[in-house]
């Protein structure tokens, strides 16, 4: 899906929405297919 954060839209991301904690988990695939799983700051996410 996509993520709008800091008023910038990032497409083709892998996302999981944590309903209980109201957080979003992003799996970012970097160079050489390295994977990073992280929780972007919720205060900057608008949609």
ModelCIF file with pLDDT and N, C-alpha, C, O atoms, coordinates in Angstrom:
data_MODEL
#
_entry.id   MODEL 
#
_entity.id                         1 
_entity.type                       polymer 
_entity.pdbx_number_of_molecules   1 
#
_entity_poly.entity_id                      1 
_entity_poly.type                           'polypeptide(L)' 
_entity_poly.nstd_linkage                   no 
_entity_poly.nstd_monomer                   no 
_entity_poly.pdbx_seq_one_letter_code       
;(UNK)(UNK)(UNK)(UNK)(UNK)(UNK)(UNK)(UNK)(UNK)(UNK)(UNK)(UNK)(UNK)(UNK)(UNK)(UNK)
(UNK)(UNK)(UNK)(UNK)(UNK)(UNK)(UNK)(UNK)(UNK)(UNK)(UNK)(UNK)(UNK)(UNK)(UNK)(UNK)
(UNK)(UNK)(UNK)(UNK)(UNK)(UNK)(UNK)(UNK)(UNK)(UNK)(UNK)(UNK)(UNK)(UNK)(UNK)
;
_entity_poly.pdbx_seq_one_letter_code_can   XXXXXXXXXXXXXXXXXXXXXXXXXXXXXXXXXXXXXXXXXXXXXXX 
_entity_poly.pdbx_strand_id                 A 
#
loop_
_entity_poly_seq.entity_id 
_entity_poly_seq.num 
_entity_poly_seq.mon_id 
_entity_poly_seq.hetero 
1 1  UNK n 
1 2  UNK n 
1 3  UNK n 
1 4  UNK n 
1 5  UNK n 
1 6  UNK n 
1 7  UNK n 
1 8  UNK n 
1 9  UNK n 
1 10 UNK n 
1 11 UNK n 
1 12 UNK n 
1 13 UNK n 
1 14 UNK n 
1 15 UNK n 
1 16 UNK n 
1 17 UNK n 
1 18 UNK n 
1 19 UNK n 
1 20 UNK n 
1 21 UNK n 
1 22 UNK n 
1 23 UNK n 
1 24 UNK n 
1 25 UNK n 
1 26 UNK n 
1 27 UNK n 
1 28 UNK n 
1 29 UNK n 
1 30 UNK n 
1 31 UNK n 
1 32 UNK n 
1 33 UNK n 
1 34 UNK n 
1 35 UNK n 
1 36 UNK n 
1 37 UNK n 
1 38 UNK n 
1 39 UNK n 
1 40 UNK n 
1 41 UNK n 
1 42 UNK n 
1 43 UNK n 
1 44 UNK n 
1 45 UNK n 
1 46 UNK n 
1 47 UNK n 
#
_struct_asym.id          A 
_struct_asym.entity_id   1 
#
loop_
_ma_qa_metric.id 
_ma_qa_metric.mode 
_ma_qa_metric.name 
_ma_qa_metric.software_group_id 
_ma_qa_metric.type 
1 global pLDDT . pLDDT 
2 local  pLDDT . pLDDT 
#
_ma_qa_metric_global.metric_id      1 
_ma_qa_metric_global.metric_value   90.77 
_ma_qa_metric_global.model_id       1 
_ma_qa_metric_global.ordinal_id     1 
#
loop_
_ma_qa_metric_local.label_asym_id 
_ma_qa_metric_local.label_comp_id 
_ma_qa_metric_local.label_seq_id 
_ma_qa_metric_local.metric_id 
_ma_qa_metric_local.metric_value 
_ma_qa_metric_local.model_id 
_ma_qa_metric_local.ordinal_id 
A UNK 1  2 97.00 1 1  
A UNK 2  2 97.00 1 2  
A UNK 3  2 95.00 1 3  
A UNK 4  2 96.00 1 4  
A UNK 5  2 94.00 1 5  
A UNK 6  2 92.00 1 6  
A UNK 7  2 92.00 1 7  
A UNK 8  2 93.00 1 8  
A UNK 9  2 94.00 1 9  
A UNK 10 2 93.00 1 10 
A UNK 11 2 93.00 1 11 
A UNK 12 2 92.00 1 12 
A UNK 13 2 93.00 1 13 
A UNK 14 2 95.00 1 14 
A UNK 15 2 97.00 1 15 
A UNK 16 2 96.00 1 16 
A UNK 17 2 97.00 1 17 
A UNK 18 2 96.00 1 18 
A UNK 19 2 95.00 1 19 
A UNK 20 2 94.00 1 20 
A UNK 21 2 92.00 1 21 
A UNK 22 2 94.00 1 22 
A UNK 23 2 94.00 1 23 
A UNK 24 2 95.00 1 24 
A UNK 25 2 95.00 1 25 
A UNK 26 2 95.00 1 26 
A UNK 27 2 92.00 1 27 
A UNK 28 2 82.00 1 28 
A UNK 29 2 78.00 1 29 
A UNK 30 2 72.00 1 30 
A UNK 31 2 70.00 1 31 
A UNK 32 2 71.00 1 32 
A UNK 33 2 76.00 1 33 
A UNK 34 2 74.00 1 34 
A UNK 35 2 80.00 1 35 
A UNK 36 2 83.00 1 36 
A UNK 37 2 90.00 1 37 
A UNK 38 2 93.00 1 38 
A UNK 39 2 92.00 1 39 
A UNK 40 2 93.00 1 40 
A UNK 41 2 93.00 1 41 
A UNK 42 2 93.00 1 42 
A UNK 43 2 94.00 1 43 
A UNK 44 2 94.00 1 44 
A UNK 45 2 96.00 1 45 
A UNK 46 2 97.00 1 46 
A UNK 47 2 97.00 1 47 
#
loop_
_atom_site.group_PDB 
_atom_site.id 
_atom_site.type_symbol 
_atom_site.label_atom_id 
_atom_site.label_alt_id 
_atom_site.label_comp_id 
_atom_site.label_asym_id 
_atom_site.label_entity_id 
_atom_site.label_seq_id 
_atom_site.pdbx_PDB_ins_code 
_atom_site.Cartn_x 
_atom_site.Cartn_y 
_atom_site.Cartn_z 
_atom_site.occupancy 
_atom_site.B_iso_or_equiv 
_atom_site.pdbx_formal_charge 
_atom_site.auth_seq_id 
_atom_site.auth_comp_id 
_atom_site.auth_asym_id 
_atom_site.auth_atom_id 
_atom_site.pdbx_PDB_model_num 
ATOM 1   N N  . UNK A 1 1  ? 0.816  -1.198 0.000  1.00 97.00 ? 1  UNK A N  1 
ATOM 2   C CA . UNK A 1 1  ? 0.000  0.000  0.000  1.00 97.00 ? 1  UNK A CA 1 
ATOM 3   C C  . UNK A 1 1  ? 0.851  1.251  0.000  1.00 97.00 ? 1  UNK A C  1 
ATOM 4   O O  . UNK A 1 1  ? 2.028  1.209  -0.359 1.00 97.00 ? 1  UNK A O  1 
ATOM 5   N N  . UNK A 1 2  ? 0.260  2.363  0.401  1.00 97.00 ? 2  UNK A N  1 
ATOM 6   C CA . UNK A 1 2  ? 1.010  3.614  0.447  1.00 97.00 ? 2  UNK A CA 1 
ATOM 7   C C  . UNK A 1 2  ? 0.888  4.237  1.840  1.00 97.00 ? 2  UNK A C  1 
ATOM 8   O O  . UNK A 1 2  ? 0.005  3.898  2.627  1.00 97.00 ? 2  UNK A O  1 
ATOM 9   N N  . UNK A 1 3  ? 1.799  5.148  2.102  1.00 95.00 ? 3  UNK A N  1 
ATOM 10  C CA . UNK A 1 3  ? 1.860  5.848  3.378  1.00 95.00 ? 3  UNK A CA 1 
ATOM 11  C C  . UNK A 1 3  ? 2.082  7.329  3.116  1.00 95.00 ? 3  UNK A C  1 
ATOM 12  O O  . UNK A 1 3  ? 2.945  7.704  2.322  1.00 95.00 ? 3  UNK A O  1 
ATOM 13  N N  . UNK A 1 4  ? 1.296  8.173  3.789  1.00 96.00 ? 4  UNK A N  1 
ATOM 14  C CA . UNK A 1 4  ? 1.478  9.619  3.678  1.00 96.00 ? 4  UNK A CA 1 
ATOM 15  C C  . UNK A 1 4  ? 2.036  10.115 5.005  1.00 96.00 ? 4  UNK A C  1 
ATOM 16  O O  . UNK A 1 4  ? 1.332  10.139 6.014  1.00 96.00 ? 4  UNK A O  1 
ATOM 17  N N  . UNK A 1 5  ? 3.297  10.508 4.998  1.00 94.00 ? 5  UNK A N  1 
ATOM 18  C CA . UNK A 1 5  ? 3.952  10.982 6.206  1.00 94.00 ? 5  UNK A CA 1 
ATOM 19  C C  . UNK A 1 5  ? 4.762  12.229 5.883  1.00 94.00 ? 5  UNK A C  1 
ATOM 20  O O  . UNK A 1 5  ? 5.353  12.322 4.807  1.00 94.00 ? 5  UNK A O  1 
ATOM 21  N N  . UNK A 1 6  ? 4.796  13.180 6.795  1.00 92.00 ? 6  UNK A N  1 
ATOM 22  C CA . UNK A 1 6  ? 5.463  14.458 6.545  1.00 92.00 ? 6  UNK A CA 1 
ATOM 23  C C  . UNK A 1 6  ? 4.971  15.094 5.247  1.00 92.00 ? 6  UNK A C  1 
ATOM 24  O O  . UNK A 1 6  ? 5.726  15.776 4.554  1.00 92.00 ? 6  UNK A O  1 
ATOM 25  N N  . UNK A 1 7  ? 3.679  14.860 4.921  1.00 92.00 ? 7  UNK A N  1 
ATOM 26  C CA . UNK A 1 7  ? 3.032  15.393 3.711  1.00 92.00 ? 7  UNK A CA 1 
ATOM 27  C C  . UNK A 1 7  ? 3.655  14.834 2.438  1.00 92.00 ? 7  UNK A C  1 
ATOM 28  O O  . UNK A 1 7  ? 3.509  15.425 1.368  1.00 92.00 ? 7  UNK A O  1 
ATOM 29  N N  . UNK A 1 8  ? 4.345  13.706 2.543  1.00 93.00 ? 8  UNK A N  1 
ATOM 30  C CA . UNK A 1 8  ? 4.917  13.049 1.378  1.00 93.00 ? 8  UNK A CA 1 
ATOM 31  C C  . UNK A 1 8  ? 4.316  11.658 1.248  1.00 93.00 ? 8  UNK A C  1 
ATOM 32  O O  . UNK A 1 8  ? 4.134  10.953 2.241  1.00 93.00 ? 8  UNK A O  1 
ATOM 33  N N  . UNK A 1 9  ? 4.014  11.275 0.031  1.00 94.00 ? 9  UNK A N  1 
ATOM 34  C CA . UNK A 1 9  ? 3.370  10.002 -0.241 1.00 94.00 ? 9  UNK A CA 1 
ATOM 35  C C  . UNK A 1 9  ? 4.382  8.991  -0.760 1.00 94.00 ? 9  UNK A C  1 
ATOM 36  O O  . UNK A 1 9  ? 5.078  9.242  -1.744 1.00 94.00 ? 9  UNK A O  1 
ATOM 37  N N  . UNK A 1 10 ? 4.454  7.849  -0.091 1.00 93.00 ? 10 UNK A N  1 
ATOM 38  C CA . UNK A 1 10 ? 5.363  6.779  -0.483 1.00 93.00 ? 10 UNK A CA 1 
ATOM 39  C C  . UNK A 1 10 ? 4.543  5.561  -0.885 1.00 93.00 ? 10 UNK A C  1 
ATOM 40  O O  . UNK A 1 10 ? 3.746  5.045  -0.102 1.00 93.00 ? 10 UNK A O  1 
ATOM 41  N N  . UNK A 1 11 ? 4.749  5.118  -2.103 1.00 93.00 ? 11 UNK A N  1 
ATOM 42  C CA . UNK A 1 11 ? 3.965  4.014  -2.645 1.00 93.00 ? 11 UNK A CA 1 
ATOM 43  C C  . UNK A 1 11 ? 4.717  2.686  -2.549 1.00 93.00 ? 11 UNK A C  1 
ATOM 44  O O  . UNK A 1 11 ? 5.907  2.633  -2.237 1.00 93.00 ? 11 UNK A O  1 
ATOM 45  N N  . UNK A 1 12 ? 3.968  1.619  -2.831 1.00 92.00 ? 12 UNK A N  1 
ATOM 46  C CA . UNK A 1 12 ? 4.527  0.272  -2.930 1.00 92.00 ? 12 UNK A CA 1 
ATOM 47  C C  . UNK A 1 12 ? 5.293  -0.135 -1.673 1.00 92.00 ? 12 UNK A C  1 
ATOM 48  O O  . UNK A 1 12 ? 6.372  -0.721 -1.757 1.00 92.00 ? 12 UNK A O  1 
ATOM 49  N N  . UNK A 1 13 ? 4.732  0.178  -0.520 1.00 93.00 ? 13 UNK A N  1 
ATOM 50  C CA . UNK A 1 13 ? 5.323  -0.237 0.744  1.00 93.00 ? 13 UNK A CA 1 
ATOM 51  C C  . UNK A 1 13 ? 4.575  -1.451 1.282  1.00 93.00 ? 13 UNK A C  1 
ATOM 52  O O  . UNK A 1 13 ? 3.434  -1.707 0.897  1.00 93.00 ? 13 UNK A O  1 
ATOM 53  N N  . UNK A 1 14 ? 5.214  -2.185 2.162  1.00 95.00 ? 14 UNK A N  1 
ATOM 54  C CA . UNK A 1 14 ? 4.581  -3.322 2.821  1.00 95.00 ? 14 UNK A CA 1 
ATOM 55  C C  . UNK A 1 14 ? 4.195  -2.892 4.231  1.00 95.00 ? 14 UNK A C  1 
ATOM 56  O O  . UNK A 1 14 ? 5.048  -2.505 5.030  1.00 95.00 ? 14 UNK A O  1 
ATOM 57  N N  . UNK A 1 15 ? 2.877  -2.965 4.530  1.00 97.00 ? 15 UNK A N  1 
ATOM 58  C CA . UNK A 1 15 ? 2.345  -2.375 5.749  1.00 97.00 ? 15 UNK A CA 1 
ATOM 59  C C  . UNK A 1 15 ? 1.519  -3.375 6.557  1.00 97.00 ? 15 UNK A C  1 
ATOM 60  O O  . UNK A 1 15 ? 0.904  -4.289 6.008  1.00 97.00 ? 15 UNK A O  1 
ATOM 61  N N  . UNK A 1 16 ? 1.522  -3.175 7.879  1.00 96.00 ? 16 UNK A N  1 
ATOM 62  C CA . UNK A 1 16 ? 0.604  -3.852 8.791  1.00 96.00 ? 16 UNK A CA 1 
ATOM 63  C C  . UNK A 1 16 ? 0.057  -2.799 9.753  1.00 96.00 ? 16 UNK A C  1 
ATOM 64  O O  . UNK A 1 16 ? 0.819  -2.017 10.322 1.00 96.00 ? 16 UNK A O  1 
ATOM 65  N N  . UNK A 1 17 ? -1.272 -2.779 9.936  1.00 97.00 ? 17 UNK A N  1 
ATOM 66  C CA . UNK A 1 17 ? -1.909 -1.804 10.811 1.00 97.00 ? 17 UNK A CA 1 
ATOM 67  C C  . UNK A 1 17 ? -2.262 -2.468 12.138 1.00 97.00 ? 17 UNK A C  1 
ATOM 68  O O  . UNK A 1 17 ? -3.075 -3.391 12.184 1.00 97.00 ? 17 UNK A O  1 
ATOM 69  N N  . UNK A 1 18 ? -1.649 -1.994 13.207 1.00 96.00 ? 18 UNK A N  1 
ATOM 70  C CA . UNK A 1 18 ? -1.907 -2.494 14.546 1.00 96.00 ? 18 UNK A CA 1 
ATOM 71  C C  . UNK A 1 18 ? -3.111 -1.727 15.110 1.00 96.00 ? 18 UNK A C  1 
ATOM 72  O O  . UNK A 1 18 ? -2.983 -0.577 15.531 1.00 96.00 ? 18 UNK A O  1 
ATOM 73  N N  . UNK A 1 19 ? -4.277 -2.377 15.112 1.00 95.00 ? 19 UNK A N  1 
ATOM 74  C CA . UNK A 1 19 ? -5.497 -1.725 15.572 1.00 95.00 ? 19 UNK A CA 1 
ATOM 75  C C  . UNK A 1 19 ? -5.414 -1.408 17.057 1.00 95.00 ? 19 UNK A C  1 
ATOM 76  O O  . UNK A 1 19 ? -5.801 -0.319 17.482 1.00 95.00 ? 19 UNK A O  1 
ATOM 77  N N  . UNK A 1 20 ? -4.916 -2.346 17.847 1.00 94.00 ? 20 UNK A N  1 
ATOM 78  C CA . UNK A 1 20 ? -4.912 -2.188 19.300 1.00 94.00 ? 20 UNK A CA 1 
ATOM 79  C C  . UNK A 1 20 ? -4.046 -1.003 19.737 1.00 94.00 ? 20 UNK A C  1 
ATOM 80  O O  . UNK A 1 20 ? -4.464 -0.194 20.565 1.00 94.00 ? 20 UNK A O  1 
ATOM 81  N N  . UNK A 1 21 ? -2.844 -0.908 19.177 1.00 92.00 ? 21 UNK A N  1 
ATOM 82  C CA . UNK A 1 21 ? -1.911 0.154  19.571 1.00 92.00 ? 21 UNK A CA 1 
ATOM 83  C C  . UNK A 1 21 ? -2.013 1.396  18.702 1.00 92.00 ? 21 UNK A C  1 
ATOM 84  O O  . UNK A 1 21 ? -1.369 2.407  18.986 1.00 92.00 ? 21 UNK A O  1 
ATOM 85  N N  . UNK A 1 22 ? -2.821 1.332  17.637 1.00 94.00 ? 22 UNK A N  1 
ATOM 86  C CA . UNK A 1 22 ? -2.930 2.457  16.708 1.00 94.00 ? 22 UNK A CA 1 
ATOM 87  C C  . UNK A 1 22 ? -1.568 2.843  16.139 1.00 94.00 ? 22 UNK A C  1 
ATOM 88  O O  . UNK A 1 22 ? -1.199 4.017  16.106 1.00 94.00 ? 22 UNK A O  1 
ATOM 89  N N  . UNK A 1 23 ? -0.832 1.828  15.692 1.00 94.00 ? 23 UNK A N  1 
ATOM 90  C CA . UNK A 1 23 ? 0.476  2.053  15.082 1.00 94.00 ? 23 UNK A CA 1 
ATOM 91  C C  . UNK A 1 23 ? 0.531  1.355  13.739 1.00 94.00 ? 23 UNK A C  1 
ATOM 92  O O  . UNK A 1 23 ? -0.309 0.512  13.422 1.00 94.00 ? 23 UNK A O  1 
ATOM 93  N N  . UNK A 1 24 ? 1.524  1.715  12.965 1.00 95.00 ? 24 UNK A N  1 
ATOM 94  C CA . UNK A 1 24 ? 1.728  1.123  11.655 1.00 95.00 ? 24 UNK A CA 1 
ATOM 95  C C  . UNK A 1 24 ? 3.116  0.501  11.612 1.00 95.00 ? 24 UNK A C  1 
ATOM 96  O O  . UNK A 1 24 ? 4.096  1.113  12.036 1.00 95.00 ? 24 UNK A O  1 
ATOM 97  N N  . UNK A 1 25 ? 3.192  -0.725 11.094 1.00 95.00 ? 25 UNK A N  1 
ATOM 98  C CA . UNK A 1 25 ? 4.474  -1.404 10.933 1.00 95.00 ? 25 UNK A CA 1 
ATOM 99  C C  . UNK A 1 25 ? 4.821  -1.407 9.449  1.00 95.00 ? 25 UNK A C  1 
ATOM 100 O O  . UNK A 1 25 ? 3.997  -1.776 8.613  1.00 95.00 ? 25 UNK A O  1 
ATOM 101 N N  . UNK A 1 26 ? 6.030  -0.998 9.132  1.00 95.00 ? 26 UNK A N  1 
ATOM 102 C CA . UNK A 1 26 ? 6.481  -0.944 7.743  1.00 95.00 ? 26 UNK A CA 1 
ATOM 103 C C  . UNK A 1 26 ? 7.640  -1.911 7.550  1.00 95.00 ? 26 UNK A C  1 
ATOM 104 O O  . UNK A 1 26 ? 8.588  -1.934 8.336  1.00 95.00 ? 26 UNK A O  1 
ATOM 105 N N  . UNK A 1 27 ? 7.548  -2.702 6.502  1.00 92.00 ? 27 UNK A N  1 
ATOM 106 C CA . UNK A 1 27 ? 8.683  -3.546 6.110  1.00 92.00 ? 27 UNK A CA 1 
ATOM 107 C C  . UNK A 1 27 ? 9.322  -2.894 4.889  1.00 92.00 ? 27 UNK A C  1 
ATOM 108 O O  . UNK A 1 27 ? 8.749  -2.877 3.800  1.00 92.00 ? 27 UNK A O  1 
ATOM 109 N N  . UNK A 1 28 ? 10.503 -2.366 5.093  1.00 82.00 ? 28 UNK A N  1 
ATOM 110 C CA . UNK A 1 28 ? 11.205 -1.652 4.029  1.00 82.00 ? 28 UNK A CA 1 
ATOM 111 C C  . UNK A 1 28 ? 12.255 -2.565 3.415  1.00 82.00 ? 28 UNK A C  1 
ATOM 112 O O  . UNK A 1 28 ? 13.098 -3.120 4.120  1.00 82.00 ? 28 UNK A O  1 
ATOM 113 N N  . UNK A 1 29 ? 12.198 -2.713 2.110  1.00 78.00 ? 29 UNK A N  1 
ATOM 114 C CA . UNK A 1 29 ? 13.162 -3.527 1.388  1.00 78.00 ? 29 UNK A CA 1 
ATOM 115 C C  . UNK A 1 29 ? 14.188 -2.603 0.746  1.00 78.00 ? 29 UNK A C  1 
ATOM 116 O O  . UNK A 1 29 ? 13.858 -1.835 -0.158 1.00 78.00 ? 29 UNK A O  1 
ATOM 117 N N  . UNK A 1 30 ? 15.421 -2.676 1.209  1.00 72.00 ? 30 UNK A N  1 
ATOM 118 C CA . UNK A 1 30 ? 16.468 -1.795 0.718  1.00 72.00 ? 30 UNK A CA 1 
ATOM 119 C C  . UNK A 1 30 ? 17.347 -2.458 -0.321 1.00 72.00 ? 30 UNK A C  1 
ATOM 120 O O  . UNK A 1 30 ? 16.960 -3.445 -0.947 1.00 72.00 ? 30 UNK A O  1 
ATOM 121 N N  . UNK A 1 31 ? 18.525 -1.908 -0.494 1.00 70.00 ? 31 UNK A N  1 
ATOM 122 C CA . UNK A 1 31 ? 19.438 -2.442 -1.489 1.00 70.00 ? 31 UNK A CA 1 
ATOM 123 C C  . UNK A 1 31 ? 19.868 -3.842 -1.092 1.00 70.00 ? 31 UNK A C  1 
ATOM 124 O O  . UNK A 1 31 ? 19.937 -4.184 0.088  1.00 70.00 ? 31 UNK A O  1 
ATOM 125 N N  . UNK A 1 32 ? 20.154 -4.637 -2.106 1.00 71.00 ? 32 UNK A N  1 
ATOM 126 C CA . UNK A 1 32 ? 20.531 -6.037 -1.929 1.00 71.00 ? 32 UNK A CA 1 
ATOM 127 C C  . UNK A 1 32 ? 19.458 -6.805 -1.166 1.00 71.00 ? 32 UNK A C  1 
ATOM 128 O O  . UNK A 1 32 ? 19.749 -7.768 -0.457 1.00 71.00 ? 32 UNK A O  1 
ATOM 129 N N  . UNK A 1 33 ? 18.172 -6.347 -1.329 1.00 76.00 ? 33 UNK A N  1 
ATOM 130 C CA . UNK A 1 33 ? 17.010 -6.993 -0.723 1.00 76.00 ? 33 UNK A CA 1 
ATOM 131 C C  . UNK A 1 33 ? 17.070 -7.073 0.797  1.00 76.00 ? 33 UNK A C  1 
ATOM 132 O O  . UNK A 1 33 ? 16.447 -7.947 1.398  1.00 76.00 ? 33 UNK A O  1 
ATOM 133 N N  . UNK A 1 34 ? 17.814 -6.170 1.418  1.00 74.00 ? 34 UNK A N  1 
ATOM 134 C CA . UNK A 1 34 ? 17.840 -6.125 2.873  1.00 74.00 ? 34 UNK A CA 1 
ATOM 135 C C  . UNK A 1 34 ? 16.480 -5.649 3.384  1.00 74.00 ? 34 UNK A C  1 
ATOM 136 O O  . UNK A 1 34 ? 15.862 -4.783 2.766  1.00 74.00 ? 34 UNK A O  1 
ATOM 137 N N  . UNK A 1 35 ? 16.011 -6.199 4.494  1.00 80.00 ? 35 UNK A N  1 
ATOM 138 C CA . UNK A 1 35 ? 14.699 -5.871 5.031  1.00 80.00 ? 35 UNK A CA 1 
ATOM 139 C C  . UNK A 1 35 ? 14.816 -5.206 6.395  1.00 80.00 ? 35 UNK A C  1 
ATOM 140 O O  . UNK A 1 35 ? 15.578 -5.644 7.257  1.00 80.00 ? 35 UNK A O  1 
ATOM 141 N N  . UNK A 1 36 ? 14.055 -4.154 6.569  1.00 83.00 ? 36 UNK A N  1 
ATOM 142 C CA . UNK A 1 36 ? 13.995 -3.445 7.842  1.00 83.00 ? 36 UNK A CA 1 
ATOM 143 C C  . UNK A 1 36 ? 12.541 -3.314 8.254  1.00 83.00 ? 36 UNK A C  1 
ATOM 144 O O  . UNK A 1 36 ? 11.715 -2.837 7.476  1.00 83.00 ? 36 UNK A O  1 
ATOM 145 N N  . UNK A 1 37 ? 12.219 -3.733 9.471  1.00 90.00 ? 37 UNK A N  1 
ATOM 146 C CA . UNK A 1 37 ? 10.869 -3.589 10.003 1.00 90.00 ? 37 UNK A CA 1 
ATOM 147 C C  . UNK A 1 37 ? 10.894 -2.535 11.103 1.00 90.00 ? 37 UNK A C  1 
ATOM 148 O O  . UNK A 1 37 ? 11.680 -2.630 12.046 1.00 90.00 ? 37 UNK A O  1 
ATOM 149 N N  . UNK A 1 38 ? 10.034 -1.535 10.978 1.00 93.00 ? 38 UNK A N  1 
ATOM 150 C CA . UNK A 1 38 ? 10.073 -0.433 11.932 1.00 93.00 ? 38 UNK A CA 1 
ATOM 151 C C  . UNK A 1 38 ? 8.688  0.198  12.089 1.00 93.00 ? 38 UNK A C  1 
ATOM 152 O O  . UNK A 1 38 ? 7.783  -0.056 11.296 1.00 93.00 ? 38 UNK A O  1 
ATOM 153 N N  . UNK A 1 39 ? 8.543  1.018  13.120 1.00 92.00 ? 39 UNK A N  1 
ATOM 154 C CA . UNK A 1 39 ? 7.304  1.726  13.398 1.00 92.00 ? 39 UNK A CA 1 
ATOM 155 C C  . UNK A 1 39 ? 7.539  3.218  13.193 1.00 92.00 ? 39 UNK A C  1 
ATOM 156 O O  . UNK A 1 39 ? 8.141  3.864  14.051 1.00 92.00 ? 39 UNK A O  1 
ATOM 157 N N  . UNK A 1 40 ? 7.080  3.778  12.082 1.00 93.00 ? 40 UNK A N  1 
ATOM 158 C CA . UNK A 1 40 ? 7.265  5.217  11.859 1.00 93.00 ? 40 UNK A CA 1 
ATOM 159 C C  . UNK A 1 40 ? 6.479  6.020  12.885 1.00 93.00 ? 40 UNK A C  1 
ATOM 160 O O  . UNK A 1 40 ? 5.430  5.563  13.339 1.00 93.00 ? 40 UNK A O  1 
ATOM 161 N N  . UNK A 1 41 ? 6.957  7.209  13.265 1.00 93.00 ? 41 UNK A N  1 
ATOM 162 C CA . UNK A 1 41 ? 6.253  8.028  14.263 1.00 93.00 ? 41 UNK A CA 1 
ATOM 163 C C  . UNK A 1 41 ? 4.819  8.334  13.831 1.00 93.00 ? 41 UNK A C  1 
ATOM 164 O O  . UNK A 1 41 ? 4.589  8.911  12.769 1.00 93.00 ? 41 UNK A O  1 
ATOM 165 N N  . UNK A 1 42 ? 3.868  7.942  14.662 1.00 93.00 ? 42 UNK A N  1 
ATOM 166 C CA . UNK A 1 42 ? 2.451  8.085  14.318 1.00 93.00 ? 42 UNK A CA 1 
ATOM 167 C C  . UNK A 1 42 ? 2.056  9.550  14.149 1.00 93.00 ? 42 UNK A C  1 
ATOM 168 O O  . UNK A 1 42 ? 1.178  9.871  13.348 1.00 93.00 ? 42 UNK A O  1 
ATOM 169 N N  . UNK A 1 43 ? 2.707  10.442 14.905 1.00 94.00 ? 43 UNK A N  1 
ATOM 170 C CA . UNK A 1 43 ? 2.299  11.848 14.862 1.00 94.00 ? 43 UNK A CA 1 
ATOM 171 C C  . UNK A 1 43 ? 2.506  12.481 13.487 1.00 94.00 ? 43 UNK A C  1 
ATOM 172 O O  . UNK A 1 43 ? 1.900  13.509 13.182 1.00 94.00 ? 43 UNK A O  1 
ATOM 173 N N  . UNK A 1 44 ? 3.353  11.880 12.658 1.00 94.00 ? 44 UNK A N  1 
ATOM 174 C CA . UNK A 1 44 ? 3.607  12.443 11.333 1.00 94.00 ? 44 UNK A CA 1 
ATOM 175 C C  . UNK A 1 44 ? 2.814  11.747 10.230 1.00 94.00 ? 44 UNK A C  1 
ATOM 176 O O  . UNK A 1 44 ? 2.841  12.185 9.080  1.00 94.00 ? 44 UNK A O  1 
ATOM 177 N N  . UNK A 1 45 ? 2.110  10.672 10.568 1.00 96.00 ? 45 UNK A N  1 
ATOM 178 C CA . UNK A 1 45 ? 1.330  9.932  9.570  1.00 96.00 ? 45 UNK A CA 1 
ATOM 179 C C  . UNK A 1 45 ? -0.066 10.534 9.486  1.00 96.00 ? 45 UNK A C  1 
ATOM 180 O O  . UNK A 1 45 ? -0.758 10.651 10.498 1.00 96.00 ? 45 UNK A O  1 
ATOM 181 N N  . UNK A 1 46 ? -0.480 10.916 8.282  1.00 97.00 ? 46 UNK A N  1 
ATOM 182 C CA . UNK A 1 46 ? -1.819 11.475 8.112  1.00 97.00 ? 46 UNK A CA 1 
ATOM 183 C C  . UNK A 1 46 ? -2.775 10.480 7.468  1.00 97.00 ? 46 UNK A C  1 
ATOM 184 O O  . UNK A 1 46 ? -3.980 10.547 7.710  1.00 97.00 ? 46 UNK A O  1 
ATOM 185 N N  . UNK A 1 47 ? -2.271 9.565  6.659  1.00 97.00 ? 47 UNK A N  1 
ATOM 186 C CA . UNK A 1 47 ? -3.131 8.533  6.081  1.00 97.00 ? 47 UNK A CA 1 
ATOM 187 C C  . UNK A 1 47 ? -2.289 7.399  5.513  1.00 97.00 ? 47 UNK A C  1 
ATOM 188 O O  . UNK A 1 47 ? -2.834 6.432  4.981  1.00 97.00 ? 47 UNK A O  1 
#
